[in-house]
Amino acid sequence: MWAEGGETAPRRIGLVEDHESVAIGLAAMLAPEPDLDLVLTAGTVPELLVAASNSAPLDLVVLDLRLADGSSPEDNVRALRNRGVEVLVFTGADNAFLVRAAAKAGVLGVVRKSEDVPTVVAAVRRAASGEQVVTTDWAAAIDGDPQLSDVGLSPRQEEVLTLYASGEKASRVARLTGLSEQTVNDYLGRIRQKYADAGRPAPTKTDLYKRAVEDGWLPVPERHPRA
């Protein structure tokens, strides 16, 4: 995008966020950046689209996953992309299922609200230029299966996986589930085999934890604030 005189015009950014403090925070992050201009903010995607229809085209919309209107990430992303606008998710990343749902709908990337200012600004700049924003959360969203049932685990296997991957020892899982320790170990062997067959190997307990997080059975861990 070029302005008169050959200078690059600022990228026009829209924000869909229903928490005022977050909106104010992102505006403050982008204000010092001459190439990024936060021009529209709304609490819902329909509100933003109405406002955008009366203005110059947006280069990017920064979208929160959880909105008070109960809308789904997939519907929001599709509505924006149908209007020719790319999307960057800006979230607490506390729900792996929602992150994957947005990824499946075609967002450029995912950035956490807990990231530092340079990281957030860099993510917005890349996405506003049409580039993918590759982060650990984004990779997990792309790599993870949309539903755990795609791996073919039984409800009992799901229960064993959740307990074991959360940090419990096999003996403790046995007591909590009423199974024998040998049966728990047999389940774990079958679970590992099913993940391997699905192209998502999990030979270690840490790998099983990652798979359980990717599939939404355990919460995404919060990062500790930087010192």
Foldseek 3Di string as FASTA:
>chain_A
DADPPGHQQAAEEEEADDDVVLVVVVCVLCVVPRNHDDDYYYPALVVRVVVCVPDPHHLEYEYEQDGPVPDHLLVSQLVQVVVVHAYEYEYCQFFLLSLLSNVVSPHLYYDYPLDDSVLVVVCVVQVSVVHRDDDPSRVLSVPADNAPCVLPDDPVLLQLLLVLLVPDDLCVSCVVVVHHSVVSVVSVVVSQVSCVVVVQHQPDSPSSNSNCCSNRVDTDDRDDHDD
